[in-house]
PDB file of all heavy atoms in Angstrom:
ATOM      1  N   LYS A   1      31.642 -46.504  59.289  1.00  0.00           N
ATOM      2  CA  LYS A   1      32.143 -45.742  58.145  1.00  0.00           C
ATOM      3  C   LYS A   1      33.463 -46.334  57.673  1.00  0.00           C
ATOM      4  O   LYS A   1      34.240 -46.828  58.491  1.00  0.00           O
ATOM      5  CB  LYS A   1      32.353 -44.278  58.537  1.00  0.00           C
ATOM      6  CG  LYS A   1      31.088 -43.537  58.925  1.00  0.00           C
ATOM      7  CD  LYS A   1      31.441 -42.101  59.307  1.00  0.00           C
ATOM      8  CE  LYS A   1      30.220 -41.300  59.666  1.00  0.00           C
ATOM      9  NZ  LYS A   1      30.577 -39.931  60.093  1.00  0.00           N
ATOM     10  N   PRO A   2      33.751 -46.226  56.383  1.00  0.00           N
ATOM     11  CA  PRO A   2      32.873 -45.728  55.309  1.00  0.00           C
ATOM     12  C   PRO A   2      31.782 -46.743  54.988  1.00  0.00           C
ATOM     13  O   PRO A   2      31.992 -47.940  55.108  1.00  0.00           O
ATOM     14  CB  PRO A   2      33.831 -45.559  54.123  1.00  0.00           C
ATOM     15  CG  PRO A   2      34.903 -46.566  54.364  1.00  0.00           C
ATOM     16  CD  PRO A   2      35.066 -46.646  55.865  1.00  0.00           C
ATOM     17  N   PHE A   3      30.605 -46.263  54.599  1.00  0.00           N
ATOM     18  CA  PHE A   3      29.482 -47.149  54.341  1.00  0.00           C
ATOM     19  C   PHE A   3      28.854 -46.823  53.001  1.00  0.00           C
ATOM     20  O   PHE A   3      28.997 -45.722  52.468  1.00  0.00           O
ATOM     21  CB  PHE A   3      28.425 -47.020  55.447  1.00  0.00           C
ATOM     22  CG  PHE A   3      27.852 -45.638  55.586  1.00  0.00           C
ATOM     23  CD1 PHE A   3      26.784 -45.221  54.800  1.00  0.00           C
ATOM     24  CD2 PHE A   3      28.384 -44.741  56.495  1.00  0.00           C
ATOM     25  CE1 PHE A   3      26.251 -43.949  54.920  1.00  0.00           C
ATOM     26  CE2 PHE A   3      27.852 -43.466  56.624  1.00  0.00           C
ATOM     27  CZ  PHE A   3      26.795 -43.065  55.832  1.00  0.00           C
ATOM     28  N   SER A   4      28.155 -47.791  52.461  1.00  0.00           N
ATOM     29  CA  SER A   4      27.401 -47.587  51.234  1.00  0.00           C
ATOM     30  C   SER A   4      26.080 -46.919  51.577  1.00  0.00           C
ATOM     31  O   SER A   4      25.370 -47.387  52.474  1.00  0.00           O
ATOM     32  CB  SER A   4      27.137 -48.931  50.544  1.00  0.00           C
ATOM     33  OG  SER A   4      26.067 -48.819  49.635  1.00  0.00           O
ATOM     34  N   PRO A   5      25.712 -45.832  50.876  1.00  0.00           N
ATOM     35  CA  PRO A   5      24.407 -45.206  51.131  1.00  0.00           C
ATOM     36  C   PRO A   5      23.246 -46.188  50.994  1.00  0.00           C
ATOM     37  O   PRO A   5      22.280 -46.120  51.758  1.00  0.00           O
ATOM     38  CB  PRO A   5      24.331 -44.103  50.069  1.00  0.00           C
ATOM     39  CG  PRO A   5      25.748 -43.762  49.780  1.00  0.00           C
ATOM     40  CD  PRO A   5      26.491 -45.065  49.887  1.00  0.00           C
ATOM     41  N   LEU A   6      23.346 -47.109  50.048  1.00  0.00           N
ATOM     42  CA  LEU A   6      22.271 -48.083  49.861  1.00  0.00           C
ATOM     43  C   LEU A   6      22.159 -49.024  51.058  1.00  0.00           C
ATOM     44  O   LEU A   6      21.063 -49.472  51.413  1.00  0.00           O
ATOM     45  CB  LEU A   6      22.496 -48.876  48.571  1.00  0.00           C
ATOM     46  CG  LEU A   6      22.391 -48.075  47.270  1.00  0.00           C
ATOM     47  CD1 LEU A   6      22.697 -48.961  46.070  1.00  0.00           C
ATOM     48  CD2 LEU A   6      20.996 -47.448  47.135  1.00  0.00           C
ATOM     49  N   THR A   7      23.300 -49.333  51.675  1.00  0.00           N
ATOM     50  CA  THR A   7      23.281 -50.166  52.880  1.00  0.00           C
ATOM     51  C   THR A   7      22.563 -49.439  54.010  1.00  0.00           C
ATOM     52  O   THR A   7      21.730 -50.023  54.715  1.00  0.00           O
ATOM     53  CB  THR A   7      24.703 -50.530  53.318  1.00  0.00           C
ATOM     54  OG1 THR A   7      25.325 -51.324  52.300  1.00  0.00           O
ATOM     55  CG2 THR A   7      24.690 -51.315  54.629  1.00  0.00           C
ATOM     56  N   LEU A   8      22.871 -48.161  54.197  1.00  0.00           N
ATOM     57  CA  LEU A   8      22.205 -47.392  55.238  1.00  0.00           C
ATOM     58  C   LEU A   8      20.711 -47.282  54.963  1.00  0.00           C
ATOM     59  O   LEU A   8      19.895 -47.418  55.885  1.00  0.00           O
ATOM     60  CB  LEU A   8      22.824 -45.996  55.344  1.00  0.00           C
ATOM     61  CG  LEU A   8      22.195 -45.073  56.409  1.00  0.00           C
ATOM     62  CD1 LEU A   8      22.248 -45.717  57.795  1.00  0.00           C
ATOM     63  CD2 LEU A   8      22.883 -43.712  56.414  1.00  0.00           C
ATOM     64  N   ILE A   9      20.337 -47.061  53.710  1.00  0.00           N
ATOM     65  CA  ILE A   9      18.917 -46.981  53.358  1.00  0.00           C
ATOM     66  C   ILE A   9      18.218 -48.294  53.706  1.00  0.00           C
ATOM     67  O   ILE A   9      17.104 -48.307  54.259  1.00  0.00           O
ATOM     68  CB  ILE A   9      18.741 -46.661  51.858  1.00  0.00           C
ATOM     69  CG1 ILE A   9      19.223 -45.241  51.547  1.00  0.00           C
ATOM     70  CG2 ILE A   9      17.283 -46.831  51.450  1.00  0.00           C
ATOM     71  CD1 ILE A   9      18.427 -44.144  52.207  1.00  0.00           C
ATOM     72  N   ALA A  10      18.861 -49.423  53.399  1.00  0.00           N
ATOM     73  CA  ALA A  10      18.267 -50.735  53.705  1.00  0.00           C
ATOM     74  C   ALA A  10      18.108 -50.920  55.206  1.00  0.00           C
ATOM     75  O   ALA A  10      17.085 -51.447  55.676  1.00  0.00           O
ATOM     76  CB  ALA A  10      19.135 -51.849  53.122  1.00  0.00           C
ATOM     77  N   ARG A  11      19.101 -50.495  55.979  1.00  0.00           N
ATOM     78  CA  ARG A  11      19.015 -50.613  57.436  1.00  0.00           C
ATOM     79  C   ARG A  11      17.874 -49.757  57.977  1.00  0.00           C
ATOM     80  O   ARG A  11      17.135 -50.172  58.879  1.00  0.00           O
ATOM     81  CB  ARG A  11      20.334 -50.168  58.080  1.00  0.00           C
ATOM     82  CG  ARG A  11      21.564 -50.960  57.666  1.00  0.00           C
ATOM     83  CD  ARG A  11      21.699 -52.272  58.414  1.00  0.00           C
ATOM     84  NE  ARG A  11      22.930 -52.948  58.084  1.00  0.00           N
ATOM     85  CZ  ARG A  11      24.051 -52.898  58.818  1.00  0.00           C
ATOM     86  NH1 ARG A  11      24.068 -52.185  59.932  1.00  0.00           N
ATOM     87  NH2 ARG A  11      25.125 -53.555  58.450  1.00  0.00           N
ATOM     88  N   ILE A  12      17.747 -48.531  57.444  1.00  0.00           N
ATOM     89  CA  ILE A  12      16.683 -47.632  57.884  1.00  0.00           C
ATOM     90  C   ILE A  12      15.314 -48.242  57.599  1.00  0.00           C
ATOM     91  O   ILE A  12      14.420 -48.237  58.455  1.00  0.00           O
ATOM     92  CB  ILE A  12      16.816 -46.261  57.193  1.00  0.00           C
ATOM     93  CG1 ILE A  12      18.048 -45.521  57.724  1.00  0.00           C
ATOM     94  CG2 ILE A  12      15.556 -45.420  57.409  1.00  0.00           C
ATOM     95  CD1 ILE A  12      18.358 -44.238  56.979  1.00  0.00           C
ATOM     96  N   LYS A  13      15.134 -48.788  56.397  1.00  0.00           N
ATOM     97  CA  LYS A  13      13.845 -49.375  56.031  1.00  0.00           C
ATOM     98  C   LYS A  13      13.495 -50.547  56.938  1.00  0.00           C
ATOM     99  O   LYS A  13      12.350 -50.670  57.396  1.00  0.00           O
ATOM    100  CB  LYS A  13      13.880 -49.833  54.569  1.00  0.00           C
ATOM    101  CG  LYS A  13      13.845 -48.706  53.552  1.00  0.00           C
ATOM    102  CD  LYS A  13      13.863 -49.260  52.136  1.00  0.00           C
ATOM    103  CE  LYS A  13      13.757 -48.149  51.109  1.00  0.00           C
ATOM    104  NZ  LYS A  13      13.799 -48.674  49.718  1.00  0.00           N
ATOM    105  N   ALA A  14      14.471 -51.412  57.204  1.00  0.00           N
ATOM    106  CA  ALA A  14      14.207 -52.581  58.034  1.00  0.00           C
ATOM    107  C   ALA A  14      13.872 -52.174  59.464  1.00  0.00           C
ATOM    108  O   ALA A  14      12.930 -52.691  60.070  1.00  0.00           O
ATOM    109  CB  ALA A  14      15.418 -53.515  58.018  1.00  0.00           C
ATOM    110  N   LEU A  15      14.616 -51.225  60.009  1.00  0.00           N
ATOM    111  CA  LEU A  15      14.373 -50.790  61.381  1.00  0.00           C
ATOM    112  C   LEU A  15      13.039 -50.065  61.503  1.00  0.00           C
ATOM    113  O   LEU A  15      12.278 -50.277  62.458  1.00  0.00           O
ATOM    114  CB  LEU A  15      15.520 -49.879  61.831  1.00  0.00           C
ATOM    115  CG  LEU A  15      15.513 -49.428  63.291  1.00  0.00           C
ATOM    116  CD1 LEU A  15      15.439 -50.620  64.230  1.00  0.00           C
ATOM    117  CD2 LEU A  15      16.762 -48.604  63.583  1.00  0.00           C
ATOM    118  N   HIS A  16      12.724 -49.241  60.517  1.00  0.00           N
ATOM    119  CA  HIS A  16      11.456 -48.508  60.541  1.00  0.00           C
ATOM    120  C   HIS A  16      10.268 -49.455  60.403  1.00  0.00           C
ATOM    121  O   HIS A  16       9.239 -49.280  61.068  1.00  0.00           O
ATOM    122  CB  HIS A  16      11.436 -47.481  59.414  1.00  0.00           C
ATOM    123  CG  HIS A  16      10.198 -46.633  59.396  1.00  0.00           C
ATOM    124  ND1 HIS A  16       9.820 -45.844  60.456  1.00  0.00           N
ATOM    125  CD2 HIS A  16       9.242 -46.455  58.447  1.00  0.00           C
ATOM    126  CE1 HIS A  16       8.695 -45.215  60.157  1.00  0.00           C
ATOM    127  NE2 HIS A  16       8.325 -45.573  58.956  1.00  0.00           N
ATOM    128  N   ARG A  17      10.416 -50.475  59.566  1.00  0.00           N
ATOM    129  CA  ARG A  17       9.345 -51.444  59.387  1.00  0.00           C
ATOM    130  C   ARG A  17       9.055 -52.172  60.708  1.00  0.00           C
ATOM    131  O   ARG A  17       7.893 -52.334  61.093  1.00  0.00           O
ATOM    132  CB  ARG A  17       9.738 -52.440  58.293  1.00  0.00           C
ATOM    133  CG  ARG A  17       8.685 -53.502  58.021  1.00  0.00           C
ATOM    134  CD  ARG A  17       8.984 -54.234  56.726  1.00  0.00           C
ATOM    135  NE  ARG A  17      10.277 -54.877  56.719  1.00  0.00           N
ATOM    136  CZ  ARG A  17      11.320 -54.477  55.973  1.00  0.00           C
ATOM    137  NH1 ARG A  17      11.214 -53.427  55.189  1.00  0.00           N
ATOM    138  NH2 ARG A  17      12.464 -55.128  56.020  1.00  0.00           N
ATOM    139  N   ARG A  18      10.087 -52.594  61.406  1.00  0.00           N
ATOM    140  CA  ARG A  18       9.902 -53.259  62.693  1.00  0.00           C
ATOM    141  C   ARG A  18       9.259 -52.330  63.714  1.00  0.00           C
ATOM    142  O   ARG A  18       8.404 -52.737  64.498  1.00  0.00           O
ATOM    143  CB  ARG A  18      11.262 -53.735  63.221  1.00  0.00           C
ATOM    144  CG  ARG A  18      11.838 -54.915  62.479  1.00  0.00           C
ATOM    145  CD  ARG A  18      11.199 -56.196  62.959  1.00  0.00           C
ATOM    146  NE  ARG A  18      11.755 -57.350  62.276  1.00  0.00           N
ATOM    147  CZ  ARG A  18      11.449 -58.594  62.547  1.00  0.00           C
ATOM    148  NH1 ARG A  18      10.552 -58.858  63.472  1.00  0.00           N
ATOM    149  NH2 ARG A  18      11.973 -59.598  61.876  1.00  0.00           N
ATOM    150  N   SER A  19       9.683 -51.070  63.699  1.00  0.00           N
ATOM    151  CA  SER A  19       9.133 -50.096  64.634  1.00  0.00           C
ATOM    152  C   SER A  19       7.646 -49.869  64.381  1.00  0.00           C
ATOM    153  O   SER A  19       6.851 -49.764  65.327  1.00  0.00           O
ATOM    154  CB  SER A  19       9.893 -48.777  64.511  1.00  0.00           C
ATOM    155  OG  SER A  19       9.376 -47.807  65.378  1.00  0.00           O
ATOM    156  N   GLU A  20       7.255 -49.802  63.113  1.00  0.00           N
ATOM    157  CA  GLU A  20       5.851 -49.604  62.773  1.00  0.00           C
ATOM    158  C   GLU A  20       4.994 -50.784  63.230  1.00  0.00           C
ATOM    159  O   GLU A  20       3.893 -50.610  63.750  1.00  0.00           O
ATOM    160  CB  GLU A  20       5.701 -49.414  61.263  1.00  0.00           C
ATOM    161  CG  GLU A  20       6.051 -48.028  60.778  1.00  0.00           C
ATOM    162  CD  GLU A  20       5.676 -47.836  59.323  1.00  0.00           C
ATOM    163  OE1 GLU A  20       5.886 -48.780  58.526  1.00  0.00           O
ATOM    164  OE2 GLU A  20       5.170 -46.763  58.984  1.00  0.00           O
ATOM    165  N   ILE A  21       5.498 -51.997  63.046  1.00  0.00           N
ATOM    166  CA  ILE A  21       4.769 -53.194  63.466  1.00  0.00           C
ATOM    167  C   ILE A  21       4.562 -53.182  64.975  1.00  0.00           C
ATOM    168  O   ILE A  21       3.472 -53.444  65.483  1.00  0.00           O
ATOM    169  CB  ILE A  21       5.516 -54.470  63.032  1.00  0.00           C
ATOM    170  CG1 ILE A  21       5.497 -54.602  61.507  1.00  0.00           C
ATOM    171  CG2 ILE A  21       4.902 -55.709  63.687  1.00  0.00           C
ATOM    172  CD1 ILE A  21       6.369 -55.724  60.976  1.00  0.00           C
ATOM    173  N   ALA A  22       5.626 -52.842  65.718  1.00  0.00           N
ATOM    174  CA  ALA A  22       5.531 -52.796  67.175  1.00  0.00           C
ATOM    175  C   ALA A  22       4.534 -51.737  67.624  1.00  0.00           C
ATOM    176  O   ALA A  22       3.764 -51.944  68.564  1.00  0.00           O
ATOM    177  CB  ALA A  22       6.905 -52.519  67.776  1.00  0.00           C
ATOM    178  N   GLU A  23       4.526 -50.598  66.939  1.00  0.00           N
ATOM    179  CA  GLU A  23       3.616 -49.506  67.289  1.00  0.00           C
ATOM    180  C   GLU A  23       2.161 -49.920  67.075  1.00  0.00           C
ATOM    181  O   GLU A  23       1.282 -49.649  67.909  1.00  0.00           O
ATOM    182  CB  GLU A  23       3.948 -48.273  66.460  1.00  0.00           C
ATOM    183  CG  GLU A  23       3.108 -47.048  66.779  1.00  0.00           C
ATOM    184  CD  GLU A  23       3.449 -46.421  68.109  1.00  0.00           C
ATOM    185  OE1 GLU A  23       4.500 -46.749  68.675  1.00  0.00           O
ATOM    186  OE2 GLU A  23       2.627 -45.619  68.591  1.00  0.00           O
ATOM    187  N   LYS A  24       1.882 -50.586  65.963  1.00  0.00           N
ATOM    188  CA  LYS A  24       0.519 -51.020  65.676  1.00  0.00           C
ATOM    189  C   LYS A  24       0.042 -52.052  66.692  1.00  0.00           C
ATOM    190  O   LYS A  24      -1.101 -52.026  67.141  1.00  0.00           O
ATOM    191  CB  LYS A  24       0.440 -51.599  64.264  1.00  0.00           C
ATOM    192  CG  LYS A  24       0.585 -50.549  63.156  1.00  0.00           C
ATOM    193  CD  LYS A  24       0.575 -51.198  61.794  1.00  0.00           C
ATOM    194  CE  LYS A  24       0.763 -50.155  60.695  1.00  0.00           C
ATOM    195  NZ  LYS A  24       0.816 -50.791  59.348  1.00  0.00           N
ATOM    196  N   GLN A  25       0.932 -52.964  67.056  1.00  0.00           N
ATOM    197  CA  GLN A  25       0.550 -54.016  67.991  1.00  0.00           C
ATOM    198  C   GLN A  25       0.348 -53.478  69.405  1.00  0.00           C
ATOM    199  O   GLN A  25      -0.354 -54.084  70.212  1.00  0.00           O
ATOM    200  CB  GLN A  25       1.605 -55.113  67.994  1.00  0.00           C
ATOM    201  CG  GLN A  25       1.645 -55.892  66.692  1.00  0.00           C
ATOM    202  CD  GLN A  25       2.806 -56.856  66.623  1.00  0.00           C
ATOM    203  OE1 GLN A  25       3.803 -56.694  67.314  1.00  0.00           O
ATOM    204  NE2 GLN A  25       2.682 -57.870  65.782  1.00  0.00           N
ATOM    205  N   ALA A  26       0.974 -52.346  69.706  1.00  0.00           N
ATOM    206  CA  ALA A  26       0.847 -51.765  71.041  1.00  0.00           C
ATOM    207  C   ALA A  26      -0.485 -51.043  71.239  1.00  0.00           C
ATOM    208  O   ALA A  26      -0.851 -50.712  72.356  1.00  0.00           O
ATOM    209  CB  ALA A  26       1.994 -50.791  71.300  1.00  0.00           C
ATOM    210  N   HIS A  27      -1.231 -50.803  70.139  1.00  0.00           N
ATOM    211  CA  HIS A  27      -2.484 -50.070  70.231  1.00  0.00           C
ATOM    212  C   HIS A  27      -3.670 -50.929  69.790  1.00  0.00           C
ATOM    213  O   HIS A  27      -4.449 -50.547  68.939  1.00  0.00           O
ATOM    214  CB  HIS A  27      -2.420 -48.792  69.386  1.00  0.00           C
ATOM    215  CG  HIS A  27      -1.443 -47.794  69.903  1.00  0.00           C
ATOM    216  ND1 HIS A  27      -0.112 -47.813  69.563  1.00  0.00           N
ATOM    217  CD2 HIS A  27      -1.607 -46.751  70.753  1.00  0.00           C
ATOM    218  CE1 HIS A  27       0.506 -46.819  70.169  1.00  0.00           C
ATOM    219  NE2 HIS A  27      -0.368 -46.160  70.897  1.00  0.00           N
ATOM    220  N   VAL A  28      -3.761 -52.108  70.389  1.00  0.00           N
ATOM    221  CA  VAL A  28      -4.885 -52.985  70.088  1.00  0.00           C
ATOM    222  C   VAL A  28      -5.881 -52.936  71.240  1.00  0.00           C
ATOM    223  O   VAL A  28      -5.566 -52.547  72.360  1.00  0.00           O
ATOM    224  CB  VAL A  28      -4.417 -54.444  69.866  1.00  0.00           C
ATOM    225  CG1 VAL A  28      -3.508 -54.524  68.665  1.00  0.00           C
ATOM    226  CG2 VAL A  28      -3.713 -54.984  71.097  1.00  0.00           C
ATOM    227  N   ASN A  29      -7.104 -53.361  70.947  1.00  0.00           N
ATOM    228  CA  ASN A  29      -8.143 -53.420  71.966  1.00  0.00           C
ATOM    229  C   ASN A  29      -7.805 -54.527  72.958  1.00  0.00           C
ATOM    230  O   ASN A  29      -7.569 -55.669  72.566  1.00  0.00           O
ATOM    231  CB  ASN A  29      -9.485 -53.716  71.291  1.00  0.00           C
ATOM    232  CG  ASN A  29     -10.638 -53.578  72.258  1.00  0.00           C
ATOM    233  OD1 ASN A  29     -10.537 -53.967  73.427  1.00  0.00           O
ATOM    234  ND2 ASN A  29     -11.739 -53.023  71.774  1.00  0.00           N
ATOM    235  N   PRO A  30      -7.766 -54.231  74.268  1.00  0.00           N
ATOM    236  CA  PRO A  30      -7.425 -55.261  75.250  1.00  0.00           C
ATOM    237  C   PRO A  30      -8.292 -56.513  75.141  1.00  0.00           C
ATOM    238  O   PRO A  30      -7.835 -57.617  75.424  1.00  0.00           O
ATOM    239  CB  PRO A  30      -7.633 -54.544  76.593  1.00  0.00           C
ATOM    240  CG  PRO A  30      -7.444 -53.095  76.273  1.00  0.00           C
ATOM    241  CD  PRO A  30      -8.007 -52.929  74.884  1.00  0.00           C
ATOM    242  N   SER A  31      -9.538 -56.360  74.724  1.00  0.00           N
ATOM    243  CA  SER A  31     -10.431 -57.517  74.617  1.00  0.00           C
ATOM    244  C   SER A  31      -9.977 -58.471  73.528  1.00  0.00           C
ATOM    245  O   SER A  31     -10.365 -59.626  73.504  1.00  0.00           O
ATOM    246  CB  SER A  31     -11.856 -57.041  74.324  1.00  0.00           C
ATOM    247  OG  SER A  31     -11.915 -56.390  73.063  1.00  0.00           O
ATOM    248  N   GLU A  32      -9.138 -57.946  72.606  1.00  0.00           N
ATOM    249  CA  GLU A  32      -8.642 -58.788  71.524  1.00  0.00           C
ATOM    250  C   GLU A  32      -7.317 -59.451  71.885  1.00  0.00           C
ATOM    251  O   GLU A  32      -6.736 -60.156  71.079  1.00  0.00           O
ATOM    252  CB  GLU A  32      -8.446 -57.942  70.254  1.00  0.00           C
ATOM    253  CG  GLU A  32      -9.717 -57.278  69.749  1.00  0.00           C
ATOM    254  CD  GLU A  32      -9.425 -56.340  68.599  1.00  0.00           C
ATOM    255  OE1 GLU A  32      -8.226 -56.128  68.308  1.00  0.00           O
ATOM    256  OE2 GLU A  32     -10.378 -55.830  67.985  1.00  0.00           O
TER     257      GLU A  32
END
């Protein structure tokens, strides 16, 4: 702080995007 709201929004989007990718990759069929 102090921070730009747009900067925080960008950080949230980037972190959430990475989290979603990790979540999807963690639920794959073991045979694949």
